[in-house]
C-alpha atoms as a PDB file:
ATOM      1  CA  UNK A   1      23.688 -13.358   7.647  1.00  0.00           C
ATOM      2  CA  UNK A   2      20.340 -15.260   6.558  1.00  0.00           C
ATOM      3  CA  UNK A   3      18.383 -16.585   9.790  1.00  0.00           C
ATOM      4  CA  UNK A   4      15.617 -16.645  11.861  1.00  0.00           C
ATOM      5  CA  UNK A   5      15.249 -13.929  14.493  1.00  0.00           C
ATOM      6  CA  UNK A   6      16.530 -14.624  17.726  1.00  0.00           C
ATOM      7  CA  UNK A   7      13.907 -14.509  20.840  1.00  0.00           C
ATOM      8  CA  UNK A   8      15.650 -11.909  23.314  1.00  0.00           C
ATOM      9  CA  UNK A   9      17.738  -9.036  22.161  1.00  0.00           C
ATOM     10  CA  UNK A  10      21.350  -9.616  21.026  1.00  0.00           C
ATOM     11  CA  UNK A  11      24.285  -8.191  22.676  1.00  0.00           C
ATOM     12  CA  UNK A  12      26.553  -6.307  20.588  1.00  0.00           C
ATOM     13  CA  UNK A  13      30.272  -6.744  21.392  1.00  0.00           C
ATOM     14  CA  UNK A  14      31.293  -2.853  19.618  1.00  0.00           C
ATOM     15  CA  UNK A  15      29.357   0.149  20.365  1.00  0.00           C
ATOM     16  CA  UNK A  16      26.492   0.872  17.918  1.00  0.00           C
ATOM     17  CA  UNK A  17      27.595   4.345  16.576  1.00  0.00           C
ATOM     18  CA  UNK A  18      31.260   2.273  15.525  1.00  0.00           C
ATOM     19  CA  UNK A  19      29.449  -0.353  13.890  1.00  0.00           C
ATOM     20  CA  UNK A  20      27.309   2.479  11.489  1.00  0.00           C
ATOM     21  CA  UNK A  21      30.367   4.537  10.910  1.00  0.00           C
ATOM     22  CA  UNK A  22      30.468   3.151   7.632  1.00  0.00           C
ATOM     23  CA  UNK A  23      26.578   2.373   6.561  1.00  0.00           C
ATOM     24  CA  UNK A  24      25.793   4.433   3.262  1.00  0.00           C
ATOM     25  CA  UNK A  25      22.388   5.565   3.224  1.00  0.00           C
ATOM     26  CA  UNK A  26      21.134   8.234   0.942  1.00  0.00           C
ATOM     27  CA  UNK A  27      19.657  11.795   1.378  1.00  0.00           C
ATOM     28  CA  UNK A  28      17.120  12.511  -1.178  1.00  0.00           C
ATOM     29  CA  UNK A  29      18.616  10.787  -3.605  1.00  0.00           C
ATOM     30  CA  UNK A  30      22.579  11.498  -2.670  1.00  0.00           C
ATOM     31  CA  UNK A  31      24.506   9.420  -0.560  1.00  0.00           C
ATOM     32  CA  UNK A  32      25.464  11.194   2.910  1.00  0.00           C
ATOM     33  CA  UNK A  33      28.714  12.894   2.617  1.00  0.00           C
ATOM     34  CA  UNK A  34      31.756  12.161   4.008  1.00  0.00           C
ATOM     35  CA  UNK A  35      34.178  12.346   5.927  1.00  0.00           C
ATOM     36  CA  UNK A  36      32.526  12.969   9.468  1.00  0.00           C
ATOM     37  CA  UNK A  37      32.415  11.282  12.950  1.00  0.00           C
ATOM     38  CA  UNK A  38      30.187   8.964  14.097  1.00  0.00           C
ATOM     39  CA  UNK A  39      27.695  11.473  16.382  1.00  0.00           C
ATOM     40  CA  UNK A  40      27.605  13.784  13.064  1.00  0.00           C
ATOM     41  CA  UNK A  41      26.679  10.657  11.034  1.00  0.00           C
ATOM     42  CA  UNK A  42      24.397   9.536  13.706  1.00  0.00           C
ATOM     43  CA  UNK A  43      22.278  13.276  13.125  1.00  0.00           C
ATOM     44  CA  UNK A  44      22.337  13.409   9.395  1.00  0.00           C
ATOM     45  CA  UNK A  45      20.933   9.782   9.654  1.00  0.00           C
ATOM     46  CA  UNK A  46      18.186  10.807  11.906  1.00  0.00           C
ATOM     47  CA  UNK A  47      17.233  13.415   9.903  1.00  0.00           C
ATOM     48  CA  UNK A  48      17.236  11.374   6.622  1.00  0.00           C
ATOM     49  CA  UNK A  49      14.997   8.655   7.829  1.00  0.00           C
ATOM     50  CA  UNK A  50      12.595  11.208   9.971  1.00  0.00           C
ATOM     51  CA  UNK A  51      11.962  12.783   6.612  1.00  0.00           C
ATOM     52  CA  UNK A  52      14.114  15.926   7.215  1.00  0.00           C
ATOM     53  CA  UNK A  53      13.707  16.969  10.476  1.00  0.00           C
ATOM     54  CA  UNK A  54      13.588  20.596  11.524  1.00  0.00           C
ATOM     55  CA  UNK A  55      16.969  21.460  13.109  1.00  0.00           C
ATOM     56  CA  UNK A  56      14.869  22.526  15.854  1.00  0.00           C
ATOM     57  CA  UNK A  57      13.304  19.344  16.659  1.00  0.00           C
ATOM     58  CA  UNK A  58      16.518  17.660  16.330  1.00  0.00           C
ATOM     59  CA  UNK A  59      18.358  19.768  19.210  1.00  0.00           C
ATOM     60  CA  UNK A  60      15.337  19.046  21.193  1.00  0.00           C
ATOM     61  CA  UNK A  61      16.067  15.446  20.832  1.00  0.00           C
ATOM     62  CA  UNK A  62      20.279  15.943  21.225  1.00  0.00           C
ATOM     63  CA  UNK A  63      20.313  14.322  24.801  1.00  0.00           C
ATOM     64  CA  UNK A  64      19.070  11.030  23.275  1.00  0.00           C
ATOM     65  CA  UNK A  65      21.684   8.238  22.893  1.00  0.00           C
ATOM     66  CA  UNK A  66      22.256   7.360  19.303  1.00  0.00           C
ATOM     67  CA  UNK A  67      20.856   3.822  18.217  1.00  0.00           C
ATOM     68  CA  UNK A  68      18.916   3.498  21.542  1.00  0.00           C
ATOM     69  CA  UNK A  69      15.245   2.241  21.453  1.00  0.00           C
ATOM     70  CA  UNK A  70      14.093   5.886  22.742  1.00  0.00           C
ATOM     71  CA  UNK A  71      16.410   7.199  19.478  1.00  0.00           C
ATOM     72  CA  UNK A  72      14.131   4.603  16.736  1.00  0.00           C
ATOM     73  CA  UNK A  73      11.229   5.642  18.569  1.00  0.00           C
ATOM     74  CA  UNK A  74      11.383   9.357  18.137  1.00  0.00           C
ATOM     75  CA  UNK A  75      12.592   8.660  14.053  1.00  0.00           C
ATOM     76  CA  UNK A  76       9.190   6.707  13.951  1.00  0.00           C
ATOM     77  CA  UNK A  77       6.974   9.657  15.527  1.00  0.00           C
ATOM     78  CA  UNK A  78       8.733  12.450  13.157  1.00  0.00           C
ATOM     79  CA  UNK A  79       8.345  10.133  10.246  1.00  0.00           C
ATOM     80  CA  UNK A  80       4.600   8.577   9.950  1.00  0.00           C
ATOM     81  CA  UNK A  81       3.182  11.946  11.758  1.00  0.00           C
ATOM     82  CA  UNK A  82       2.382  15.239  10.401  1.00  0.00           C
ATOM     83  CA  UNK A  83       4.211  15.712   7.593  1.00  0.00           C
ATOM     84  CA  UNK A  84       4.558  11.704   6.818  1.00  0.00           C
ATOM     85  CA  UNK A  85       1.250  10.826   7.684  1.00  0.00           C
ATOM     86  CA  UNK A  86       0.680   9.306   4.085  1.00  0.00           C
ATOM     87  CA  UNK A  87       3.289   6.838   4.452  1.00  0.00           C
ATOM     88  CA  UNK A  88       0.989   4.202   6.622  1.00  0.00           C
ATOM     89  CA  UNK A  89      -2.147   4.516   4.340  1.00  0.00           C
ATOM     90  CA  UNK A  90      -0.034   4.802   0.780  1.00  0.00           C
ATOM     91  CA  UNK A  91       2.453   1.562   2.401  1.00  0.00           C
ATOM     92  CA  UNK A  92      -0.845  -0.553   3.997  1.00  0.00           C
ATOM     93  CA  UNK A  93       0.927  -1.258   7.028  1.00  0.00           C
ATOM     94  CA  UNK A  94      -1.982  -3.210   8.025  1.00  0.00           C
ATOM     95  CA  UNK A  95      -3.390  -4.667   5.249  1.00  0.00           C
ATOM     96  CA  UNK A  96      -0.503  -7.688   5.333  1.00  0.00           C
ATOM     97  CA  UNK A  97      -0.710  -9.946   8.133  1.00  0.00           C
ATOM     98  CA  UNK A  98       0.003 -13.296   7.629  1.00  0.00           C
ATOM     99  CA  UNK A  99       2.353 -12.467   4.292  1.00  0.00           C
ATOM    100  CA  UNK A 100       5.770 -12.989   3.313  1.00  0.00           C
ATOM    101  CA  UNK A 101       6.809  -9.180   2.648  1.00  0.00           C
ATOM    102  CA  UNK A 102      10.365  -8.364   1.067  1.00  0.00           C
ATOM    103  CA  UNK A 103      12.062  -5.309   1.833  1.00  0.00           C
ATOM    104  CA  UNK A 104      14.681  -3.392  -0.402  1.00  0.00           C
ATOM    105  CA  UNK A 105      16.091  -0.113  -0.162  1.00  0.00           C
ATOM    106  CA  UNK A 106      18.051   2.169   2.246  1.00  0.00           C
ATOM    107  CA  UNK A 107      17.237   3.623   5.715  1.00  0.00           C
ATOM    108  CA  UNK A 108      16.442   1.941   9.329  1.00  0.00           C
ATOM    109  CA  UNK A 109      13.630  -0.350   8.357  1.00  0.00           C
ATOM    110  CA  UNK A 110      11.405   2.140  10.159  1.00  0.00           C
ATOM    111  CA  UNK A 111       8.611   1.369   7.487  1.00  0.00           C
ATOM    112  CA  UNK A 112       9.311  -2.731   6.882  1.00  0.00           C
ATOM    113  CA  UNK A 113       8.744  -3.375  10.619  1.00  0.00           C
ATOM    114  CA  UNK A 114       5.692  -1.975  10.743  1.00  0.00           C
ATOM    115  CA  UNK A 115       4.379  -4.565   8.851  1.00  0.00           C
ATOM    116  CA  UNK A 116       6.120  -7.229  11.405  1.00  0.00           C
ATOM    117  CA  UNK A 117       3.944  -5.520  14.225  1.00  0.00           C
ATOM    118  CA  UNK A 118       0.729  -6.211  12.151  1.00  0.00           C
ATOM    119  CA  UNK A 119       1.771  -9.944  11.812  1.00  0.00           C
ATOM    120  CA  UNK A 120       3.793  -9.897   8.470  1.00  0.00           C
ATOM    121  CA  UNK A 121       6.604 -12.445   7.756  1.00  0.00           C
ATOM    122  CA  UNK A 122       9.464  -9.373   7.035  1.00  0.00           C
ATOM    123  CA  UNK A 123      12.350 -10.364   4.930  1.00  0.00           C
ATOM    124  CA  UNK A 124      14.934  -7.449   4.679  1.00  0.00           C
ATOM    125  CA  UNK A 125      17.448  -7.917   1.802  1.00  0.00           C
ATOM    126  CA  UNK A 126      20.513  -5.253   2.221  1.00  0.00           C
ATOM    127  CA  UNK A 127      24.367  -5.110   0.078  1.00  0.00           C
ATOM    128  CA  UNK A 128      25.622  -3.282   2.953  1.00  0.00           C
ATOM    129  CA  UNK A 129      26.198  -5.691   6.296  1.00  0.00           C
ATOM    130  CA  UNK A 130      26.493  -2.617   8.415  1.00  0.00           C
ATOM    131  CA  UNK A 131      23.193  -0.690   7.343  1.00  0.00           C
ATOM    132  CA  UNK A 132      21.666  -4.372   7.766  1.00  0.00           C
ATOM    133  CA  UNK A 133      23.000  -4.525  11.159  1.00  0.00           C
ATOM    134  CA  UNK A 134      21.258  -1.272  11.866  1.00  0.00           C
ATOM    135  CA  UNK A 135      17.979  -2.656  10.990  1.00  0.00           C
ATOM    136  CA  UNK A 136      18.364  -5.788  12.389  1.00  0.00           C
ATOM    137  CA  UNK A 137      18.711  -3.986  15.970  1.00  0.00           C
ATOM    138  CA  UNK A 138      15.923  -1.532  15.379  1.00  0.00           C
ATOM    139  CA  UNK A 139      13.931  -4.964  15.251  1.00  0.00           C
ATOM    140  CA  UNK A 140      15.297  -6.489  18.167  1.00  0.00           C
ATOM    141  CA  UNK A 141      14.589  -3.600  20.120  1.00  0.00           C
ATOM    142  CA  UNK A 142      10.769  -3.704  19.404  1.00  0.00           C
ATOM    143  CA  UNK A 143      10.839  -7.798  20.082  1.00  0.00           C
ATOM    144  CA  UNK A 144       9.880  -8.220  16.687  1.00  0.00           C
ATOM    145  CA  UNK A 145      11.148 -11.197  14.217  1.00  0.00           C
ATOM    146  CA  UNK A 146      12.193 -10.934  10.613  1.00  0.00           C
ATOM    147  CA  UNK A 147      14.779 -12.419   8.281  1.00  0.00           C
ATOM    148  CA  UNK A 148      17.958 -10.484   7.532  1.00  0.00           C
ATOM    149  CA  UNK A 149      19.521 -11.406   4.278  1.00  0.00           C
ATOM    150  CA  UNK A 150      22.974  -9.921   3.169  1.00  0.00           C
ATOM    151  CA  UNK A 151      22.996  -9.700  -0.770  1.00  0.00           C
ATOM    152  CA  UNK A 152      22.762  -7.283  -3.285  1.00  0.00           C
ATOM    153  CA  UNK A 153      19.149  -6.434  -4.898  1.00  0.00           C
ATOM    154  CA  UNK A 154      19.741  -7.611  -8.443  1.00  0.00           C
ATOM    155  CA  UNK A 155      20.599 -10.978  -7.286  1.00  0.00           C
ATOM    156  CA  UNK A 156      18.548 -12.495  -4.303  1.00  0.00           C
ATOM    157  CA  UNK A 157      18.757 -15.624  -2.737  1.00  0.00           C
ATOM    158  CA  UNK A 158      15.324 -16.029  -2.315  1.00  0.00           C
ATOM    159  CA  UNK A 159      13.209 -18.704  -4.377  1.00  0.00           C
ATOM    160  CA  UNK A 160      11.121 -17.551  -7.091  1.00  0.00           C
ATOM    161  CA  UNK A 161       7.113 -17.101  -6.499  1.00  0.00           C
ATOM    162  CA  UNK A 162       8.268 -16.929  -2.716  1.00  0.00           C
ATOM    163  CA  UNK A 163       6.950 -13.360  -1.838  1.00  0.00           C
ATOM    164  CA  UNK A 164       3.700 -12.199  -1.188  1.00  0.00           C
ATOM    165  CA  UNK A 165       4.495  -8.441  -1.259  1.00  0.00           C
ATOM    166  CA  UNK A 166       7.992  -6.552  -2.103  1.00  0.00           C
ATOM    167  CA  UNK A 167       8.525  -2.920  -0.375  1.00  0.00           C
ATOM    168  CA  UNK A 168      11.222  -1.002  -2.212  1.00  0.00           C
ATOM    169  CA  UNK A 169      12.085   2.181  -0.130  1.00  0.00           C
ATOM    170  CA  UNK A 170      14.523   4.996  -1.945  1.00  0.00           C
ATOM    171  CA  UNK A 171      16.341   2.109  -3.966  1.00  0.00           C
ATOM    172  CA  UNK A 172      15.446   2.629  -7.817  1.00  0.00           C
ATOM    173  CA  UNK A 173      17.653   6.037  -8.023  1.00  0.00           C
ATOM    174  CA  UNK A 174      20.559   5.063  -5.961  1.00  0.00           C
ATOM    175  CA  UNK A 175      21.112   1.890  -8.384  1.00  0.00           C
ATOM    176  CA  UNK A 176      23.194   2.765 -12.310  1.00  0.00           C
ATOM    177  CA  UNK A 177      20.184   0.302 -13.722  1.00  0.00           C
ATOM    178  CA  UNK A 178      17.266   0.060 -11.955  1.00  0.00           C
ATOM    179  CA  UNK A 179      16.022  -2.792 -14.850  1.00  0.00           C
ATOM    180  CA  UNK A 180      17.409  -5.883 -12.642  1.00  0.00           C
ATOM    181  CA  UNK A 181      16.463  -5.036  -9.293  1.00  0.00           C
ATOM    182  CA  UNK A 182      13.271  -4.491 -11.044  1.00  0.00           C
ATOM    183  CA  UNK A 183      13.439  -8.221 -12.985  1.00  0.00           C
ATOM    184  CA  UNK A 184      14.459  -9.718  -9.729  1.00  0.00           C
ATOM    185  CA  UNK A 185      11.458  -8.566  -7.832  1.00  0.00           C
ATOM    186  CA  UNK A 186       9.251  -9.994 -10.122  1.00  0.00           C
ATOM    187  CA  UNK A 187      10.958 -13.448 -10.270  1.00  0.00           C
ATOM    188  CA  UNK A 188      10.519 -13.369  -6.330  1.00  0.00           C
ATOM    189  CA  UNK A 189       7.137 -12.418  -6.177  1.00  0.00           C
ATOM    190  CA  UNK A 190       3.966 -14.689  -6.680  1.00  0.00           C
ATOM    191  CA  UNK A 191       1.722 -14.755  -9.331  1.00  0.00           C
ATOM    192  CA  UNK A 192      -1.030 -11.533  -8.163  1.00  0.00           C
ATOM    193  CA  UNK A 193       1.731 -10.499  -5.866  1.00  0.00           C
ATOM    194  CA  UNK A 194       1.914  -6.592  -4.852  1.00  0.00           C
ATOM    195  CA  UNK A 195       4.911  -4.386  -5.176  1.00  0.00           C
ATOM    196  CA  UNK A 196       5.323  -0.966  -3.474  1.00  0.00           C
ATOM    197  CA  UNK A 197       8.151   1.123  -4.583  1.00  0.00           C
ATOM    198  CA  UNK A 198       8.975   4.767  -2.974  1.00  0.00           C
ATOM    199  CA  UNK A 199      11.535   6.618  -4.863  1.00  0.00           C
ATOM    200  CA  UNK A 200      12.141  10.197  -5.237  1.00  0.00           C
ATOM    201  CA  UNK A 201      10.348  12.423  -7.557  1.00  0.00           C
ATOM    202  CA  UNK A 202      11.797  13.832 -10.910  1.00  0.00           C
ATOM    203  CA  UNK A 203       9.129  16.830 -10.841  1.00  0.00           C
ATOM    204  CA  UNK A 204       8.908  18.082  -7.260  1.00  0.00           C
ATOM    205  CA  UNK A 205       8.909  21.360  -5.612  1.00  0.00           C
ATOM    206  CA  UNK A 206      12.504  22.091  -6.274  1.00  0.00           C
ATOM    207  CA  UNK A 207      12.068  21.243 -10.159  1.00  0.00           C
ATOM    208  CA  UNK A 208       8.972  23.770 -10.320  1.00  0.00           C
ATOM    209  CA  UNK A 209      10.805  26.642  -8.644  1.00  0.00           C
ATOM    210  CA  UNK A 210      13.785  25.873 -10.953  1.00  0.00           C
ATOM    211  CA  UNK A 211      11.279  26.508 -13.906  1.00  0.00           C
ATOM    212  CA  UNK A 212       9.384  29.665 -12.636  1.00  0.00           C
ATOM    213  CA  UNK A 213      12.424  31.409 -10.915  1.00  0.00           C
ATOM    214  CA  UNK A 214      14.988  30.111 -13.189  1.00  0.00           C
ATOM    215  CA  UNK A 215      17.750  33.086 -12.145  1.00  0.00           C
ATOM    216  CA  UNK A 216      17.614  30.878  -8.929  1.00  0.00           C
ATOM    217  CA  UNK A 217      19.488  28.271 -10.422  1.00  0.00           C
ATOM    218  CA  UNK A 218      23.197  30.154 -10.292  1.00  0.00           C
ATOM    219  CA  UNK A 219      22.347  30.186  -6.329  1.00  0.00           C
ATOM    220  CA  UNK A 220      24.690  27.278  -4.907  1.00  0.00           C
ATOM    221  CA  UNK A 221      21.983  25.927  -2.610  1.00  0.00           C
ATOM    222  CA  UNK A 222      19.521  25.667  -5.790  1.00  0.00           C
ATOM    223  CA  UNK A 223      22.673  24.207  -8.005  1.00  0.00           C
ATOM    224  CA  UNK A 224      23.158  21.408  -5.228  1.00  0.00           C
ATOM    225  CA  UNK A 225      19.050  20.851  -5.564  1.00  0.00           C
ATOM    226  CA  UNK A 226      18.967  20.053  -8.953  1.00  0.00           C
ATOM    227  CA  UNK A 227      22.077  18.058  -8.978  1.00  0.00           C
ATOM    228  CA  UNK A 228      20.005  15.834  -6.493  1.00  0.00           C
ATOM    229  CA  UNK A 229      16.777  15.664  -8.604  1.00  0.00           C
ATOM    230  CA  UNK A 230      19.036  14.633 -11.209  1.00  0.00           C
ATOM    231  CA  UNK A 231      18.306  10.771 -10.225  1.00  0.00           C
ATOM    232  CA  UNK A 232      14.646  11.040  -9.619  1.00  0.00           C
ATOM    233  CA  UNK A 233      11.956   9.460 -11.733  1.00  0.00           C
ATOM    234  CA  UNK A 234       8.600  11.310 -13.667  1.00  0.00           C
ATOM    235  CA  UNK A 235       5.421   8.645 -13.116  1.00  0.00           C
ATOM    236  CA  UNK A 236       5.610   8.350 -16.870  1.00  0.00           C
ATOM    237  CA  UNK A 237       9.224   6.972 -16.370  1.00  0.00           C
ATOM    238  CA  UNK A 238       8.102   4.497 -13.417  1.00  0.00           C
ATOM    239  CA  UNK A 239       5.340   2.915 -15.171  1.00  0.00           C
ATOM    240  CA  UNK A 240       7.466   2.634 -18.061  1.00  0.00           C
ATOM    241  CA  UNK A 241      10.535   0.490 -15.966  1.00  0.00           C
ATOM    242  CA  UNK A 242       7.545  -1.896 -13.817  1.00  0.00           C
ATOM    243  CA  UNK A 243       6.048  -2.541 -17.218  1.00  0.00           C
ATOM    244  CA  UNK A 244       5.592  -6.541 -16.803  1.00  0.00           C
ATOM    245  CA  UNK A 245       3.692  -5.001 -13.812  1.00  0.00           C
ATOM    246  CA  UNK A 246       0.268  -4.475 -13.935  1.00  0.00           C
ATOM    247  CA  UNK A 247      -2.507  -2.086 -12.711  1.00  0.00           C
ATOM    248  CA  UNK A 248      -0.134   0.324 -12.283  1.00  0.00           C
ATOM    249  CA  UNK A 249      -1.112   3.430  -9.675  1.00  0.00           C
ATOM    250  CA  UNK A 250       1.491   6.552  -9.202  1.00  0.00           C
ATOM    251  CA  UNK A 251       0.542   8.810  -6.142  1.00  0.00           C
ATOM    252  CA  UNK A 252       2.872  11.734  -5.392  1.00  0.00           C
ATOM    253  CA  UNK A 253       3.396  12.753  -1.625  1.00  0.00           C
ATOM    254  CA  UNK A 254       5.768  15.024   0.906  1.00  0.00           C
ATOM    255  CA  UNK A 255       5.843  18.693   0.770  1.00  0.00           C
ATOM    256  CA  UNK A 256       5.788  21.096   3.792  1.00  0.00           C
ATOM    257  CA  UNK A 257       4.002  24.450   3.147  1.00  0.00           C
ATOM    258  CA  UNK A 258       7.533  26.098   4.402  1.00  0.00           C
ATOM    259  CA  UNK A 259       9.049  24.682   1.158  1.00  0.00           C
ATOM    260  CA  UNK A 260       6.287  26.444  -1.071  1.00  0.00           C
ATOM    261  CA  UNK A 261       6.584  29.727  -2.181  1.00  0.00           C
ATOM    262  CA  UNK A 262       4.012  32.562  -0.375  1.00  0.00           C
ATOM    263  CA  UNK A 263       1.922  33.419  -3.438  1.00  0.00           C
ATOM    264  CA  UNK A 264       1.176  29.305  -3.801  1.00  0.00           C
ATOM    265  CA  UNK A 265       0.288  28.724  -0.068  1.00  0.00           C
ATOM    266  CA  UNK A 266      -2.928  29.346  -0.241  1.00  0.00           C
ATOM    267  CA  UNK A 267      -3.457  26.301  -2.728  1.00  0.00           C
ATOM    268  CA  UNK A 268      -4.655  23.353  -0.535  1.00  0.00           C
ATOM    269  CA  UNK A 269      -1.290  21.137   0.609  1.00  0.00           C
ATOM    270  CA  UNK A 270      -2.658  17.737  -0.248  1.00  0.00           C
ATOM    271  CA  UNK A 271      -3.219  19.481  -3.997  1.00  0.00           C
ATOM    272  CA  UNK A 272       0.379  21.007  -3.446  1.00  0.00           C
ATOM    273  CA  UNK A 273       1.759  17.540  -2.789  1.00  0.00           C
ATOM    274  CA  UNK A 274       0.299  15.843  -5.923  1.00  0.00           C
ATOM    275  CA  UNK A 275       1.822  18.469  -8.231  1.00  0.00           C
ATOM    276  CA  UNK A 276       4.922  18.895  -6.249  1.00  0.00           C
ATOM    277  CA  UNK A 277       5.839  16.304  -4.047  1.00  0.00           C
ATOM    278  CA  UNK A 278       9.633  14.936  -3.184  1.00  0.00           C
ATOM    279  CA  UNK A 279       8.266  11.502  -3.453  1.00  0.00           C
ATOM    280  CA  UNK A 280       6.258   9.062  -5.902  1.00  0.00           C
ATOM    281  CA  UNK A 281       4.517   5.659  -4.764  1.00  0.00           C
ATOM    282  CA  UNK A 282       4.189   3.139  -7.496  1.00  0.00           C
ATOM    283  CA  UNK A 283       1.542  -0.183  -6.778  1.00  0.00           C
ATOM    284  CA  UNK A 284       1.338  -2.639  -8.663  1.00  0.00           C
ATOM    285  CA  UNK A 285       0.812  -6.787  -9.149  1.00  0.00           C
ATOM    286  CA  UNK A 286       2.824  -9.146 -10.871  1.00  0.00           C
ATOM    287  CA  UNK A 287       0.058 -10.809 -13.218  1.00  0.00           C
ATOM    288  CA  UNK A 288      -1.716 -14.391 -12.402  1.00  0.00           C
ATOM    289  CA  UNK A 289      -1.070 -15.097 -16.107  1.00  0.00           C
ATOM    290  CA  UNK A 290       2.836 -15.519 -15.177  1.00  0.00           C
ATOM    291  CA  UNK A 291       1.280 -18.810 -13.259  1.00  0.00           C
ATOM    292  CA  UNK A 292       0.921 -20.023 -16.409  1.00  0.00           C
ATOM    293  CA  UNK A 293       4.343 -19.701 -17.598  1.00  0.00           C
ATOM    294  CA  UNK A 294       5.824 -21.072 -14.074  1.00  0.00           C
ATOM    295  CA  UNK A 295       3.811 -24.434 -14.652  1.00  0.00           C
ATOM    296  CA  UNK A 296       4.786 -24.837 -18.561  1.00  0.00           C
ATOM    297  CA  UNK A 297       8.511 -24.042 -17.470  1.00  0.00           C
ATOM    298  CA  UNK A 298       7.933 -26.530 -14.735  1.00  0.00           C
END
């Protein structure tokens, strides 16, 4: 499925809802449950990509056709404004023009197409042909270019040292063993290349609520949250996984004030995010010294 992006919008022979019916994105670290119909799937996919948008906001946009341009634009507006305002800055959308960027992970490519808008050559790899089709459609409807590769993340059909930036989105907590994925990212990055990894945080607001209010763990909803967070990472483990890289920086973000108990709401939200946010964002570089190893191997 690798190839250059066509200049005009490609017409789909089957409805997008049918194409998307088997796409398995994750919702806070767990696959969206089945069975469900195409309409319900689109609704859950919308909520997940828009950072669990409120039900009231979702209901107001029910009239929008799923997988249309307006549908994708609504998701982008929810994802990158207010609660997700940290995403454009931490993921550096405007800093990688004229560079080759690799996108790996789940979702609709809402973040990756921002790099294409700023002049990056975007390469998206996914093991799911259906999910890759939705990402490609998102790009096509915006008139943006990209390369779309059907491939597992631990075995990329890309040349070594060919990528400037790798952006991993909601991927590491989905695979059984993230180490082969990280090794593959290291291989394809150029010496001095950057990795940006977004993953679920183990010590988020749900974790601290279980610590401070232990009796809540017997409630069905809280038990489900405990299972959900079991696949998250601590900042220490994330740095350890990316040990071959250098200059690690880890940030914790994404928290709504409504999720915080009333007794804690006097604390500034930016501080609460750093203590109990749902996501970790890691930034690190492939060491320049790796170029010496490459020359020796050649």
